[in-house]
Amino acid sequence: RRTGKGVFYFSSGDRYEGDYLDDKKHGKGTYLFKSGKKYTGDWKNDKQNGKGVFYRANGFRDEGNFFDGKFLG
């Protein structure tokens, strides 16, 4: 089980760098999508939760609060 800081490479080409708790993304971390998108911020139970920034491949970004993997604004 992963707990603490680490890097995980997904078979899809995506990558996560950050904190883990009981094998789940939890704490601070960055998820880099193969497509060029990126999320950096807070995680809880494997989902974006708390403050974060989601960068789209086209250069636009959503910055603010996330809950259960969804952008709230």
PDB file of N, CA and C in Angstrom:
ATOM      1  N   ARG A   1       0.835  -1.188   0.000  1.00  0.00           N
ATOM      2  CA  ARG A   1       0.000   0.000   0.000  1.00  0.00           C
ATOM      3  C   ARG A   1       0.871   1.239   0.000  1.00  0.00           C
ATOM      4  N   ARG A   2       0.502   2.174  -0.861  1.00  0.00           N
ATOM      5  CA  ARG A   2       1.236   3.442  -0.913  1.00  0.00           C
ATOM      6  C   ARG A   2       0.718   4.400   0.150  1.00  0.00           C
ATOM      7  N   THR A   3       1.630   4.947   0.922  1.00  0.00           N
ATOM      8  CA  THR A   3       1.353   6.009   1.880  1.00  0.00           C
ATOM      9  C   THR A   3       2.580   6.902   1.908  1.00  0.00           C
ATOM     10  N   GLY A   4       2.364   8.222   1.864  1.00  0.00           N
ATOM     11  CA  GLY A   4       3.470   9.168   1.798  1.00  0.00           C
ATOM     12  C   GLY A   4       3.546   9.771   0.416  1.00  0.00           C
ATOM     13  N   LYS A   5       4.704  10.258   0.053  1.00  0.00           N
ATOM     14  CA  LYS A   5       4.889  10.888  -1.255  1.00  0.00           C
ATOM     15  C   LYS A   5       5.319   9.852  -2.286  1.00  0.00           C
ATOM     16  N   GLY A   6       4.887  10.065  -3.535  1.00  0.00           N
ATOM     17  CA  GLY A   6       5.282   9.136  -4.581  1.00  0.00           C
ATOM     18  C   GLY A   6       4.873   9.601  -5.958  1.00  0.00           C
ATOM     19  N   VAL A   7       5.290   8.830  -6.941  1.00  0.00           N
ATOM     20  CA  VAL A   7       4.963   9.079  -8.348  1.00  0.00           C
ATOM     21  C   VAL A   7       4.402   7.781  -8.909  1.00  0.00           C
ATOM     22  N   PHE A   8       3.302   7.900  -9.664  1.00  0.00           N
ATOM     23  CA  PHE A   8       2.719   6.716 -10.286  1.00  0.00           C
ATOM     24  C   PHE A   8       2.489   7.010 -11.758  1.00  0.00           C
ATOM     25  N   TYR A   9       2.950   6.111 -12.605  1.00  0.00           N
ATOM     26  CA  TYR A   9       2.768   6.208 -14.058  1.00  0.00           C
ATOM     27  C   TYR A   9       1.657   5.255 -14.474  1.00  0.00           C
ATOM     28  N   PHE A  10       0.622   5.786 -15.099  1.00  0.00           N
ATOM     29  CA  PHE A  10      -0.503   4.981 -15.560  1.00  0.00           C
ATOM     30  C   PHE A  10      -0.214   4.450 -16.964  1.00  0.00           C
ATOM     31  N   SER A  11      -0.794   3.325 -17.297  1.00  0.00           N
ATOM     32  CA  SER A  11      -0.590   2.730 -18.621  1.00  0.00           C
ATOM     33  C   SER A  11      -1.125   3.632 -19.732  1.00  0.00           C
ATOM     34  N   SER A  12      -2.030   4.536 -19.394  1.00  0.00           N
ATOM     35  CA  SER A  12      -2.602   5.476 -20.368  1.00  0.00           C
ATOM     36  C   SER A  12      -1.608   6.561 -20.777  1.00  0.00           C
ATOM     37  N   GLY A  13      -0.515   6.682 -20.012  1.00  0.00           N
ATOM     38  CA  GLY A  13       0.450   7.748 -20.254  1.00  0.00           C
ATOM     39  C   GLY A  13       0.301   8.896 -19.272  1.00  0.00           C
ATOM     40  N   ASP A  14      -0.753   8.873 -18.442  1.00  0.00           N
ATOM     41  CA  ASP A  14      -0.949   9.873 -17.397  1.00  0.00           C
ATOM     42  C   ASP A  14       0.035   9.622 -16.257  1.00  0.00           C
ATOM     43  N   ARG A  15       0.241  10.655 -15.416  1.00  0.00           N
ATOM     44  CA  ARG A  15       1.164  10.518 -14.282  1.00  0.00           C
ATOM     45  C   ARG A  15       0.643  11.310 -13.093  1.00  0.00           C
ATOM     46  N   TYR A  16       0.770  10.736 -11.901  1.00  0.00           N
ATOM     47  CA  TYR A  16       0.426  11.439 -10.663  1.00  0.00           C
ATOM     48  C   TYR A  16       1.674  11.551  -9.809  1.00  0.00           C
ATOM     49  N   GLU A  17       1.906  12.755  -9.279  1.00  0.00           N
ATOM     50  CA  GLU A  17       3.011  13.006  -8.362  1.00  0.00           C
ATOM     51  C   GLU A  17       2.444  13.689  -7.131  1.00  0.00           C
ATOM     52  N   GLY A  18       2.625  13.074  -5.967  1.00  0.00           N
ATOM     53  CA  GLY A  18       2.116  13.720  -4.767  1.00  0.00           C
ATOM     54  C   GLY A  18       1.934  12.770  -3.609  1.00  0.00           C
ATOM     55  N   ASP A  19       1.001  13.140  -2.751  1.00  0.00           N
ATOM     56  CA  ASP A  19       0.753  12.418  -1.507  1.00  0.00           C
ATOM     57  C   ASP A  19      -0.248  11.282  -1.702  1.00  0.00           C
ATOM     58  N   TYR A  20      -0.004  10.218  -0.953  1.00  0.00           N
ATOM     59  CA  TYR A  20      -0.886   9.047  -0.916  1.00  0.00           C
ATOM     60  C   TYR A  20      -1.243   8.723   0.528  1.00  0.00           C
ATOM     61  N   LEU A  21      -2.416   8.152   0.704  1.00  0.00           N
ATOM     62  CA  LEU A  21      -2.830   7.598   1.983  1.00  0.00           C
ATOM     63  C   LEU A  21      -3.625   6.337   1.683  1.00  0.00           C
ATOM     64  N   ASP A  22      -3.161   5.216   2.202  1.00  0.00           N
ATOM     65  CA  ASP A  22      -3.831   3.920   1.986  1.00  0.00           C
ATOM     66  C   ASP A  22      -4.096   3.640   0.507  1.00  0.00           C
ATOM     67  N   ASP A  23      -3.090   3.886  -0.318  1.00  0.00           N
ATOM     68  CA  ASP A  23      -3.138   3.580  -1.758  1.00  0.00           C
ATOM     69  C   ASP A  23      -4.037   4.519  -2.566  1.00  0.00           C
ATOM     70  N   LYS A  24      -4.430   5.652  -1.990  1.00  0.00           N
ATOM     71  CA  LYS A  24      -5.269   6.615  -2.693  1.00  0.00           C
ATOM     72  C   LYS A  24      -4.577   7.965  -2.732  1.00  0.00           C
ATOM     73  N   LYS A  25      -4.837   8.740  -3.802  1.00  0.00           N
ATOM     74  CA  LYS A  25      -4.337  10.107  -3.870  1.00  0.00           C
ATOM     75  C   LYS A  25      -5.017  10.888  -2.752  1.00  0.00           C
ATOM     76  N   HIS A  26      -4.201  11.478  -1.854  1.00  0.00           N
ATOM     77  CA  HIS A  26      -4.760  12.127  -0.671  1.00  0.00           C
ATOM     78  C   HIS A  26      -3.732  13.114  -0.127  1.00  0.00           C
ATOM     79  N   GLY A  27      -4.075  14.402  -0.122  1.00  0.00           N
ATOM     80  CA  GLY A  27      -3.149  15.446   0.309  1.00  0.00           C
ATOM     81  C   GLY A  27      -2.915  16.403  -0.843  1.00  0.00           C
ATOM     82  N   LYS A  28      -1.672  16.750  -1.093  1.00  0.00           N
ATOM     83  CA  LYS A  28      -1.302  17.642  -2.193  1.00  0.00           C
ATOM     84  C   LYS A  28      -0.722  16.821  -3.334  1.00  0.00           C
ATOM     85  N   GLY A  29      -1.090  17.163  -4.566  1.00  0.00           N
ATOM     86  CA  GLY A  29      -0.530  16.424  -5.687  1.00  0.00           C
ATOM     87  C   GLY A  29      -0.859  17.038  -7.027  1.00  0.00           C
ATOM     88  N   THR A  30      -0.177  16.523  -8.043  1.00  0.00           N
ATOM     89  CA  THR A  30      -0.362  16.967  -9.419  1.00  0.00           C
ATOM     90  C   THR A  30      -0.615  15.763 -10.306  1.00  0.00           C
ATOM     91  N   TYR A  31      -1.671  15.849 -11.097  1.00  0.00           N
ATOM     92  CA  TYR A  31      -2.007  14.798 -12.052  1.00  0.00           C
ATOM     93  C   TYR A  31      -1.786  15.378 -13.442  1.00  0.00           C
ATOM     94  N   LEU A  32      -0.898  14.751 -14.197  1.00  0.00           N
ATOM     95  CA  LEU A  32      -0.568  15.191 -15.553  1.00  0.00           C
ATOM     96  C   LEU A  32      -1.177  14.210 -16.548  1.00  0.00           C
ATOM     97  N   PHE A  33      -2.059  14.723 -17.401  1.00  0.00           N
ATOM     98  CA  PHE A  33      -2.709  13.899 -18.411  1.00  0.00           C
ATOM     99  C   PHE A  33      -1.840  13.848 -19.660  1.00  0.00           C
ATOM    100  N   LYS A  34      -1.834  12.736 -20.334  1.00  0.00           N
ATOM    101  CA  LYS A  34      -1.092  12.585 -21.576  1.00  0.00           C
ATOM    102  C   LYS A  34      -1.540  13.621 -22.605  1.00  0.00           C
ATOM    103  N   SER A  35      -2.805  14.009 -22.542  1.00  0.00           N
ATOM    104  CA  SER A  35      -3.391  14.960 -23.499  1.00  0.00           C
ATOM    105  C   SER A  35      -2.879  16.393 -23.316  1.00  0.00           C
ATOM    106  N   GLY A  36      -2.164  16.653 -22.211  1.00  0.00           N
ATOM    107  CA  GLY A  36      -1.660  17.995 -21.950  1.00  0.00           C
ATOM    108  C   GLY A  36      -2.401  18.713 -20.838  1.00  0.00           C
ATOM    109  N   LYS A  37      -3.521  18.160 -20.372  1.00  0.00           N
ATOM    110  CA  LYS A  37      -4.243  18.744 -19.248  1.00  0.00           C
ATOM    111  C   LYS A  37      -3.471  18.460 -17.964  1.00  0.00           C
ATOM    112  N   LYS A  38      -3.763  19.258 -16.907  1.00  0.00           N
ATOM    113  CA  LYS A  38      -3.077  19.059 -15.632  1.00  0.00           C
ATOM    114  C   LYS A  38      -3.947  19.569 -14.498  1.00  0.00           C
ATOM    115  N   TYR A  39      -3.975  18.831 -13.386  1.00  0.00           N
ATOM    116  CA  TYR A  39      -4.608  19.308 -12.165  1.00  0.00           C
ATOM    117  C   TYR A  39      -3.548  19.327 -11.078  1.00  0.00           C
ATOM    118  N   THR A  40      -3.479  20.428 -10.360  1.00  0.00           N
ATOM    119  CA  THR A  40      -2.581  20.507  -9.224  1.00  0.00           C
ATOM    120  C   THR A  40      -3.336  21.116  -8.048  1.00  0.00           C
ATOM    121  N   GLY A  41      -3.235  20.460  -6.901  1.00  0.00           N
ATOM    122  CA  GLY A  41      -3.956  20.954  -5.735  1.00  0.00           C
ATOM    123  C   GLY A  41      -4.224  19.857  -4.728  1.00  0.00           C
ATOM    124  N   ASP A  42      -5.358  20.005  -4.041  1.00  0.00           N
ATOM    125  CA  ASP A  42      -5.735  19.108  -2.950  1.00  0.00           C
ATOM    126  C   ASP A  42      -6.479  17.871  -3.459  1.00  0.00           C
ATOM    127  N   TRP A  43      -6.205  16.761  -2.786  1.00  0.00           N
ATOM    128  CA  TRP A  43      -6.844  15.477  -3.087  1.00  0.00           C
ATOM    129  C   TRP A  43      -7.384  14.866  -1.801  1.00  0.00           C
ATOM    130  N   LYS A  44      -8.482  14.128  -1.934  1.00  0.00           N
ATOM    131  CA  LYS A  44      -9.036  13.378  -0.814  1.00  0.00           C
ATOM    132  C   LYS A  44      -9.698  12.126  -1.374  1.00  0.00           C
ATOM    133  N   ASN A  45      -9.297  10.977  -0.872  1.00  0.00           N
ATOM    134  CA  ASN A  45      -9.879   9.700  -1.289  1.00  0.00           C
ATOM    135  C   ASN A  45      -9.875   9.515  -2.810  1.00  0.00           C
ATOM    136  N   ASP A  46      -8.748   9.834  -3.451  1.00  0.00           N
ATOM    137  CA  ASP A  46      -8.542   9.608  -4.881  1.00  0.00           C
ATOM    138  C   ASP A  46      -9.243  10.618  -5.792  1.00  0.00           C
ATOM    139  N   LYS A  47      -9.836  11.679  -5.244  1.00  0.00           N
ATOM    140  CA  LYS A  47     -10.539  12.674  -6.053  1.00  0.00           C
ATOM    141  C   LYS A  47     -10.070  14.079  -5.692  1.00  0.00           C
ATOM    142  N   GLN A  48     -10.220  15.002  -6.657  1.00  0.00           N
ATOM    143  CA  GLN A  48      -9.885  16.394  -6.394  1.00  0.00           C
ATOM    144  C   GLN A  48     -10.872  16.940  -5.365  1.00  0.00           C
ATOM    145  N   ASN A  49     -10.341  17.427  -4.247  1.00  0.00           N
ATOM    146  CA  ASN A  49     -11.154  17.990  -3.168  1.00  0.00           C
ATOM    147  C   ASN A  49     -10.379  19.113  -2.512  1.00  0.00           C
ATOM    148  N   GLY A  50     -10.968  20.306  -2.470  1.00  0.00           N
ATOM    149  CA  GLY A  50     -10.311  21.456  -1.862  1.00  0.00           C
ATOM    150  C   GLY A  50      -9.852  22.436  -2.921  1.00  0.00           C
ATOM    151  N   LYS A  51      -8.809  23.177  -2.611  1.00  0.00           N
ATOM    152  CA  LYS A  51      -8.271  24.196  -3.530  1.00  0.00           C
ATOM    153  C   LYS A  51      -7.425  23.540  -4.611  1.00  0.00           C
ATOM    154  N   GLY A  52      -7.576  24.016  -5.839  1.00  0.00           N
ATOM    155  CA  GLY A  52      -6.776  23.476  -6.916  1.00  0.00           C
ATOM    156  C   GLY A  52      -6.912  24.274  -8.197  1.00  0.00           C
ATOM    157  N   VAL A  53      -6.101  23.885  -9.179  1.00  0.00           N
ATOM    158  CA  VAL A  53      -6.133  24.504 -10.501  1.00  0.00           C
ATOM    159  C   VAL A  53      -6.133  23.387 -11.534  1.00  0.00           C
ATOM    160  N   PHE A  54      -7.091  23.454 -12.449  1.00  0.00           N
ATOM    161  CA  PHE A  54      -7.159  22.498 -13.547  1.00  0.00           C
ATOM    162  C   PHE A  54      -6.805  23.255 -14.820  1.00  0.00           C
ATOM    163  N   TYR A  55      -5.701  22.866 -15.443  1.00  0.00           N
ATOM    164  CA  TYR A  55      -5.231  23.500 -16.676  1.00  0.00           C
ATOM    165  C   TYR A  55      -5.707  22.665 -17.858  1.00  0.00           C
ATOM    166  N   ARG A  56      -6.387  23.312 -18.779  1.00  0.00           N
ATOM    167  CA  ARG A  56      -6.859  22.618 -19.976  1.00  0.00           C
ATOM    168  C   ARG A  56      -5.768  22.638 -21.045  1.00  0.00           C
ATOM    169  N   ALA A  57      -5.861  21.744 -21.981  1.00  0.00           N
ATOM    170  CA  ALA A  57      -4.862  21.657 -23.048  1.00  0.00           C
ATOM    171  C   ALA A  57      -4.843  22.917 -23.913  1.00  0.00           C
ATOM    172  N   ASN A  58      -5.968  23.648 -23.983  1.00  0.00           N
ATOM    173  CA  ASN A  58      -6.050  24.858 -24.808  1.00  0.00           C
ATOM    174  C   ASN A  58      -5.529  26.105 -24.095  1.00  0.00           C
ATOM    175  N   GLY A  59      -5.021  25.946 -22.862  1.00  0.00           N
ATOM    176  CA  GLY A  59      -4.452  27.073 -22.125  1.00  0.00           C
ATOM    177  C   GLY A  59      -5.378  27.685 -21.097  1.00  0.00           C
ATOM    178  N   PHE A  60      -6.673  27.414 -21.177  1.00  0.00           N
ATOM    179  CA  PHE A  60      -7.605  27.925 -20.171  1.00  0.00           C
ATOM    180  C   PHE A  60      -7.441  27.144 -18.879  1.00  0.00           C
ATOM    181  N   ARG A  61      -7.897  27.746 -17.776  1.00  0.00           N
ATOM    182  CA  ARG A  61      -7.780  27.044 -16.498  1.00  0.00           C
ATOM    183  C   ARG A  61      -8.969  27.336 -15.602  1.00  0.00           C
ATOM    184  N   ASP A  62      -9.283  26.377 -14.755  1.00  0.00           N
ATOM    185  CA  ASP A  62     -10.291  26.525 -13.711  1.00  0.00           C
ATOM    186  C   ASP A  62      -9.540  26.552 -12.394  1.00  0.00           C
ATOM    187  N   GLU A  63      -9.692  27.637 -11.654  1.00  0.00           N
ATOM    188  CA  GLU A  63      -8.989  27.769 -10.376  1.00  0.00           C
ATOM    189  C   GLU A  63      -9.991  28.055  -9.287  1.00  0.00           C
ATOM    190  N   GLY A  64      -9.902  27.306  -8.186  1.00  0.00           N
ATOM    191  CA  GLY A  64     -10.823  27.513  -7.081  1.00  0.00           C
ATOM    192  C   GLY A  64     -11.040  26.250  -6.302  1.00  0.00           C
ATOM    193  N   ASN A  65     -12.303  26.006  -5.962  1.00  0.00           N
ATOM    194  CA  ASN A  65     -12.659  24.872  -5.116  1.00  0.00           C
ATOM    195  C   ASN A  65     -13.168  23.694  -5.939  1.00  0.00           C
ATOM    196  N   PHE A  66     -12.717  22.518  -5.523  1.00  0.00           N
ATOM    197  CA  PHE A  66     -13.142  21.264  -6.130  1.00  0.00           C
ATOM    198  C   PHE A  66     -13.766  20.402  -5.039  1.00  0.00           C
ATOM    199  N   PHE A  67     -14.775  19.633  -5.430  1.00  0.00           N
ATOM    200  CA  PHE A  67     -15.376  18.686  -4.493  1.00  0.00           C
ATOM    201  C   PHE A  67     -15.725  17.413  -5.230  1.00  0.00           C
ATOM    202  N   ASP A  68     -15.238  16.315  -4.698  1.00  0.00           N
ATOM    203  CA  ASP A  68     -15.548  14.995  -5.258  1.00  0.00           C
ATOM    204  C   ASP A  68     -15.214  14.917  -6.746  1.00  0.00           C
ATOM    205  N   GLY A  69     -14.112  15.570  -7.144  1.00  0.00           N
ATOM    206  CA  GLY A  69     -13.656  15.516  -8.522  1.00  0.00           C
ATOM    207  C   GLY A  69     -14.284  16.531  -9.458  1.00  0.00           C
ATOM    208  N   LYS A  70     -15.151  17.404  -8.941  1.00  0.00           N
ATOM    209  CA  LYS A  70     -15.843  18.383  -9.779  1.00  0.00           C
ATOM    210  C   LYS A  70     -15.446  19.811  -9.374  1.00  0.00           C
ATOM    211  N   PHE A  71     -15.334  20.688 -10.369  1.00  0.00           N
ATOM    212  CA  PHE A  71     -15.005  22.091 -10.132  1.00  0.00           C
ATOM    213  C   PHE A  71     -16.245  22.834  -9.647  1.00  0.00           C
ATOM    214  N   LEU A  72     -16.128  23.510  -8.515  1.00  0.00           N
ATOM    215  CA  LEU A  72     -17.251  24.268  -7.960  1.00  0.00           C
ATOM    216  C   LEU A  72     -17.153  25.759  -8.247  1.00  0.00           C
ATOM    217  N   GLY A  73     -15.961  26.226  -8.511  1.00  0.00           N
ATOM    218  CA  GLY A  73     -15.778  27.648  -8.781  1.00  0.00           C
ATOM    219  C   GLY A  73     -15.000  28.355  -7.712  1.00  0.00           C
TER     220      GLY A  73
END
